[in-house]
Protein backbone atom coordinates (compact mmCIF):
# COMPACT_ATOMS: atom_id res chain seq x y z
CA MET A 1 -159.95 -133.84 -62.25
CA LYS A 2 -156.43 -132.75 -61.94
CA THR A 3 -156.09 -132.26 -65.91
CA ALA A 4 -158.80 -129.71 -65.98
CA THR A 5 -156.78 -127.91 -63.01
CA VAL A 6 -153.58 -127.70 -64.70
CA LEU A 7 -155.39 -126.78 -68.40
CA CYS A 8 -156.61 -123.70 -66.09
CA ALA A 9 -153.54 -122.78 -64.35
CA PHE A 10 -151.44 -122.54 -67.55
CA ALA A 11 -153.87 -122.03 -69.90
CA ILE A 12 -156.24 -119.50 -68.44
CA VAL A 13 -154.50 -117.55 -70.84
CA ALA A 14 -156.89 -119.31 -73.40
CA LEU A 15 -159.29 -121.70 -71.79
CA ALA A 16 -161.45 -122.99 -74.21
CA ALA A 17 -163.66 -122.30 -77.50
CA ALA A 18 -165.07 -118.80 -77.50
CA ARG A 19 -168.67 -118.65 -77.36
CA PRO A 20 -170.21 -116.93 -80.03
CA ASP A 21 -172.94 -115.19 -78.67
CA ALA A 22 -170.81 -113.32 -75.91
CA GLY A 23 -167.29 -113.39 -77.99
CA LYS A 24 -165.52 -114.85 -74.73
CA TYR A 25 -164.28 -118.06 -74.20
CA THR A 26 -165.82 -120.29 -71.67
CA ASP A 27 -166.02 -119.80 -68.08
CA ARG A 28 -166.54 -123.78 -67.05
CA TYR A 29 -162.83 -123.86 -65.68
CA ASP A 30 -163.31 -120.50 -63.68
CA ASN A 31 -163.53 -121.96 -60.13
CA VAL A 32 -160.07 -124.04 -60.48
CA ASN A 33 -157.71 -123.68 -57.60
CA LEU A 34 -154.88 -121.78 -59.48
CA ASP A 35 -152.30 -121.86 -56.33
CA GLU A 36 -152.60 -125.74 -56.22
CA VAL A 37 -151.48 -125.95 -59.87
CA ILE A 38 -148.92 -123.50 -59.94
CA GLY A 39 -147.42 -124.78 -56.70
CA ASN A 40 -147.13 -128.18 -58.12
CA LYS A 41 -144.75 -128.72 -61.49
CA ARG A 42 -146.35 -132.28 -61.44
CA LEU A 43 -149.53 -130.93 -62.16
CA LEU A 44 -148.17 -127.97 -64.29
CA VAL A 45 -145.53 -129.33 -66.64
CA PRO A 46 -147.44 -131.73 -68.80
CA TYR A 47 -149.52 -129.35 -69.94
CA ILE A 48 -146.58 -126.82 -70.85
CA ASN A 49 -145.20 -129.91 -72.84
CA CYS A 50 -148.64 -129.93 -74.26
CA VAL A 51 -148.43 -126.82 -75.62
CA LEU A 52 -144.71 -126.70 -76.90
CA GLU A 53 -145.78 -129.94 -78.57
CA LYS A 54 -143.44 -131.65 -76.55
CA GLY A 55 -145.62 -134.20 -75.10
CA ARG A 56 -149.25 -136.04 -75.24
CA CYS A 57 -152.16 -133.63 -75.00
CA SER A 58 -155.15 -134.19 -72.99
CA PRO A 59 -158.44 -133.27 -75.16
CA ASP A 60 -157.89 -130.11 -72.31
CA GLY A 61 -154.53 -129.46 -73.73
CA LYS A 62 -155.30 -129.28 -77.18
CA GLU A 63 -158.17 -126.87 -76.54
CA LEU A 64 -155.78 -124.33 -74.61
CA LYS A 65 -153.07 -124.90 -77.13
CA SER A 66 -155.69 -124.21 -79.97
CA HIS A 67 -156.10 -120.40 -78.18
CA ILE A 68 -153.03 -119.61 -76.41
CA LYS A 69 -151.56 -117.58 -79.28
CA GLU A 70 -154.82 -115.55 -79.86
CA ALA A 71 -155.14 -115.10 -76.02
CA LEU A 72 -151.20 -113.69 -75.98
CA GLU A 73 -151.80 -111.01 -78.85
CA THR A 74 -155.19 -109.47 -77.66
CA TYR A 75 -154.22 -109.70 -73.99
CA CYS A 76 -156.79 -111.95 -73.24
CA ALA A 77 -159.57 -109.60 -75.00
CA LYS A 78 -161.86 -112.90 -74.97
CA CYS A 79 -161.17 -114.14 -71.29
CA THR A 80 -163.74 -113.47 -68.76
CA ASP A 81 -162.48 -111.35 -65.59
CA VAL A 82 -161.79 -114.61 -63.81
CA GLN A 83 -159.39 -115.43 -66.44
CA ARG A 84 -157.82 -112.36 -66.94
CA SER A 85 -156.97 -112.24 -63.21
CA GLY A 86 -155.84 -115.97 -63.58
CA THR A 87 -153.94 -115.36 -66.43
CA ARG A 88 -152.05 -112.75 -64.95
CA ARG A 89 -151.23 -114.90 -61.83
CA VAL A 90 -150.06 -117.68 -64.22
CA ILE A 91 -147.95 -116.15 -66.14
CA GLY A 92 -146.64 -113.93 -63.58
CA HIS A 93 -145.66 -117.09 -61.57
CA LEU A 94 -143.87 -118.79 -64.74
CA ILE A 95 -141.77 -115.31 -65.77
CA ASN A 96 -140.61 -115.18 -61.85
CA HIS A 97 -140.54 -118.86 -61.06
CA GLU A 98 -139.96 -120.81 -64.35
CA PRO A 99 -138.03 -118.47 -66.81
CA GLY A 100 -136.91 -121.65 -68.77
CA TYR A 101 -140.58 -122.65 -69.46
CA TRP A 102 -141.47 -118.98 -70.32
CA ALA A 103 -138.66 -118.73 -72.70
CA GLN A 104 -139.84 -121.80 -74.51
CA LEU A 105 -143.52 -120.57 -74.46
CA THR A 106 -142.45 -117.39 -75.87
CA ASN A 107 -139.81 -118.76 -78.39
CA LYS A 108 -142.83 -120.93 -79.98
CA TYR A 109 -145.78 -118.24 -79.48
CA ASP A 110 -144.12 -115.06 -80.00
CA PRO A 111 -140.70 -115.31 -81.00
CA ALA A 112 -140.52 -111.71 -82.54
CA ARG A 113 -141.52 -110.34 -78.92
CA LYS A 114 -144.02 -108.66 -80.32
CA TYR A 115 -146.66 -109.42 -77.12
CA VAL A 116 -144.96 -110.94 -74.20
CA VAL A 117 -142.91 -107.82 -72.98
CA ARG A 118 -146.02 -106.27 -72.08
CA TYR A 119 -146.69 -108.88 -69.67
CA GLU A 120 -142.90 -108.86 -68.45
CA ASN A 121 -143.02 -105.48 -68.01
CA GLU A 122 -146.10 -105.78 -65.70
CA LEU A 123 -145.56 -108.79 -63.86
CA ARG A 124 -141.92 -108.99 -63.45
CA GLN A 125 -141.32 -108.91 -59.75
CA THR A 126 -138.61 -106.29 -58.78
CA GLN A 127 -135.57 -107.50 -57.70
CA GLY A 128 -133.56 -105.81 -54.69
């Protein structure tokens, strides 16, 4: 169950295969406690390593990795409302508290920084 929790925390960005009838990602992970995942690096880091191709991937991690680029580029267009909200929380956490991981993910999935700037401008905590 922790595997599914971690997947959602990081990957609510792009959770699973799109349902052809609704054009949305599956909602099967929408009830995951994201605070538990983003508050525990032991749960979060394996998924980050998976999508960065620096570690083994669980089946859930493979699913995440297959959709993360599209979700970033479309600003989570196929996400449910719960996933969109969770995505903002997770990305905001990475930007503000895990900048090294955020930089690695950005370099891999948006090296030209065409999409991530929008997230950073919106979700970066004000300093001061």
